[in-house]
Amino acid sequence: MGQIIQFVSKSERERIRLIQEARAIYDSIFPPNDPAGEPQDKTSMIRAANGDAGNLA
């Protein structure tokens, strides 16, 4: 008797499905570098974006 049933419209279900499909496509093209989900160091991301990931100076 303590169950709550939430109505989800058809358009909302379709929106969720499309988001999941887009995420799967994105992840197949750009696989996540860190599967553990740990945040990366911002400075290394900036260096990689600038094209000098190997240059620490």
N, C-alpha and C. Protein backbone atom coordinates (compact mmCIF):
# COMPACT_ATOMS: atom_id res chain seq x y z
N MET A 1 0.80 -1.20 0.00
CA MET A 1 0.00 0.00 0.00
C MET A 1 0.84 1.26 0.00
N GLY A 2 2.12 1.15 0.32
CA GLY A 2 2.98 2.32 0.37
C GLY A 2 3.62 2.67 -0.95
N GLN A 3 3.22 2.01 -2.04
CA GLN A 3 3.84 2.28 -3.34
C GLN A 3 3.27 3.56 -3.94
N ILE A 4 4.14 4.30 -4.60
CA ILE A 4 3.74 5.49 -5.33
C ILE A 4 3.98 5.23 -6.80
N ILE A 5 2.99 5.42 -7.59
CA ILE A 5 3.10 5.22 -9.03
C ILE A 5 3.17 6.59 -9.68
N GLN A 6 4.24 6.81 -10.43
CA GLN A 6 4.45 8.10 -11.08
C GLN A 6 4.12 7.97 -12.57
N PHE A 7 3.30 8.87 -13.06
CA PHE A 7 2.95 8.89 -14.47
C PHE A 7 4.08 9.54 -15.27
N VAL A 8 4.53 8.85 -16.31
CA VAL A 8 5.54 9.39 -17.21
C VAL A 8 4.92 9.42 -18.61
N SER A 9 4.83 10.60 -19.17
CA SER A 9 4.19 10.75 -20.48
C SER A 9 5.01 10.05 -21.57
N LYS A 10 4.35 9.79 -22.66
CA LYS A 10 5.02 9.14 -23.79
C LYS A 10 6.15 10.01 -24.32
N SER A 11 5.93 11.32 -24.37
CA SER A 11 6.97 12.22 -24.88
C SER A 11 8.18 12.24 -23.94
N GLU A 12 7.95 12.15 -22.65
CA GLU A 12 9.06 12.12 -21.69
C GLU A 12 9.85 10.82 -21.83
N ARG A 13 9.16 9.70 -22.01
CA ARG A 13 9.86 8.42 -22.23
C ARG A 13 10.69 8.47 -23.50
N GLU A 14 10.16 9.07 -24.55
CA GLU A 14 10.89 9.20 -25.82
C GLU A 14 12.10 10.10 -25.65
N ARG A 15 11.95 11.20 -24.92
CA ARG A 15 13.06 12.11 -24.65
C ARG A 15 14.18 11.38 -23.91
N ILE A 16 13.83 10.61 -22.90
CA ILE A 16 14.82 9.85 -22.13
C ILE A 16 15.51 8.82 -23.01
N ARG A 17 14.74 8.14 -23.87
CA ARG A 17 15.32 7.15 -24.78
C ARG A 17 16.30 7.79 -25.75
N LEU A 18 15.94 8.95 -26.29
CA LEU A 18 16.82 9.63 -27.23
C LEU A 18 18.10 10.11 -26.56
N ILE A 19 17.99 10.59 -25.33
CA ILE A 19 19.18 11.02 -24.59
C ILE A 19 20.11 9.83 -24.34
N GLN A 20 19.54 8.69 -23.94
CA GLN A 20 20.36 7.50 -23.70
C GLN A 20 21.03 7.02 -24.98
N GLU A 21 20.29 7.07 -26.09
CA GLU A 21 20.85 6.65 -27.37
C GLU A 21 21.98 7.58 -27.81
N ALA A 22 21.76 8.89 -27.63
CA ALA A 22 22.80 9.86 -28.00
C ALA A 22 24.04 9.67 -27.14
N ARG A 23 23.86 9.41 -25.84
CA ARG A 23 25.01 9.19 -24.95
C ARG A 23 25.78 7.94 -25.36
N ALA A 24 25.07 6.88 -25.74
CA ALA A 24 25.73 5.65 -26.17
C ALA A 24 26.54 5.89 -27.44
N ILE A 25 25.99 6.65 -28.38
CA ILE A 25 26.71 6.97 -29.61
C ILE A 25 27.94 7.82 -29.30
N TYR A 26 27.77 8.84 -28.46
CA TYR A 26 28.88 9.71 -28.08
C TYR A 26 30.00 8.89 -27.41
N ASP A 27 29.62 8.01 -26.47
CA ASP A 27 30.63 7.21 -25.77
C ASP A 27 31.32 6.22 -26.70
N SER A 28 30.62 5.78 -27.77
CA SER A 28 31.28 4.87 -28.71
C SER A 28 32.29 5.61 -29.58
N ILE A 29 32.04 6.89 -29.83
CA ILE A 29 32.96 7.69 -30.64
C ILE A 29 34.08 8.25 -29.78
N PHE A 30 33.73 8.76 -28.60
CA PHE A 30 34.69 9.36 -27.67
C PHE A 30 34.63 8.59 -26.36
N PRO A 31 35.31 7.43 -26.29
CA PRO A 31 35.24 6.63 -25.06
C PRO A 31 35.80 7.41 -23.88
N PRO A 32 35.16 7.26 -22.73
CA PRO A 32 35.66 7.98 -21.55
C PRO A 32 37.07 7.51 -21.20
N ASN A 33 37.96 8.46 -20.90
CA ASN A 33 39.34 8.13 -20.54
C ASN A 33 39.44 7.51 -19.17
N ASP A 34 38.52 7.87 -18.30
CA ASP A 34 38.57 7.43 -16.91
C ASP A 34 37.31 6.66 -16.56
N PRO A 35 37.30 5.34 -16.75
CA PRO A 35 36.09 4.58 -16.48
C PRO A 35 35.69 4.58 -15.01
N ALA A 36 36.60 4.90 -14.10
CA ALA A 36 36.27 4.93 -12.68
C ALA A 36 35.48 6.18 -12.31
N GLY A 37 35.45 7.18 -13.20
CA GLY A 37 34.68 8.38 -12.95
C GLY A 37 35.38 9.41 -12.08
N GLU A 38 36.69 9.26 -11.91
CA GLU A 38 37.43 10.23 -11.11
C GLU A 38 37.67 11.49 -11.94
N PRO A 39 37.52 12.67 -11.32
CA PRO A 39 37.74 13.91 -12.08
C PRO A 39 39.21 14.06 -12.48
N GLN A 40 39.42 14.62 -13.67
CA GLN A 40 40.77 14.82 -14.17
C GLN A 40 41.31 16.16 -13.67
N ASP A 41 42.62 16.27 -13.68
CA ASP A 41 43.27 17.52 -13.32
C ASP A 41 42.99 18.55 -14.40
N LYS A 42 42.51 19.74 -14.02
CA LYS A 42 42.14 20.76 -15.01
C LYS A 42 43.33 21.24 -15.82
N THR A 43 44.51 21.32 -15.22
CA THR A 43 45.67 21.81 -15.96
C THR A 43 46.06 20.84 -17.07
N SER A 44 45.94 19.54 -16.84
CA SER A 44 46.27 18.59 -17.89
C SER A 44 45.24 18.65 -19.01
N MET A 45 43.98 18.94 -18.68
CA MET A 45 42.97 19.07 -19.71
C MET A 45 43.22 20.33 -20.54
N ILE A 46 43.66 21.41 -19.91
CA ILE A 46 43.96 22.64 -20.63
C ILE A 46 45.15 22.43 -21.55
N ARG A 47 46.20 21.76 -21.05
CA ARG A 47 47.36 21.48 -21.89
C ARG A 47 46.97 20.64 -23.10
N ALA A 48 46.13 19.63 -22.88
CA ALA A 48 45.71 18.78 -23.98
C ALA A 48 44.90 19.58 -25.00
N ALA A 49 44.07 20.49 -24.52
CA ALA A 49 43.26 21.31 -25.42
C ALA A 49 44.14 22.27 -26.22
N ASN A 50 45.23 22.72 -25.61
CA ASN A 50 46.14 23.64 -26.31
C ASN A 50 47.13 22.91 -27.21
N GLY A 51 47.16 21.59 -27.14
CA GLY A 51 48.02 20.82 -28.01
C GLY A 51 49.42 20.58 -27.46
N ASP A 52 49.67 20.94 -26.21
CA ASP A 52 51.01 20.73 -25.64
C ASP A 52 50.92 19.84 -24.40
N ALA A 53 50.25 18.69 -24.54
CA ALA A 53 50.07 17.79 -23.41
C ALA A 53 51.40 17.21 -22.92
N GLY A 54 52.36 17.04 -23.81
CA GLY A 54 53.63 16.47 -23.41
C GLY A 54 54.63 17.51 -22.89
N ASN A 55 54.35 18.77 -23.06
CA ASN A 55 55.27 19.83 -22.66
C ASN A 55 54.82 20.38 -21.32
N LEU A 56 55.60 20.14 -20.29
CA LEU A 56 55.24 20.59 -18.94
C LEU A 56 55.80 21.95 -18.60
N ALA A 57 56.67 22.51 -19.42
CA ALA A 57 57.30 23.80 -19.12
C ALA A 57 56.43 24.96 -19.51
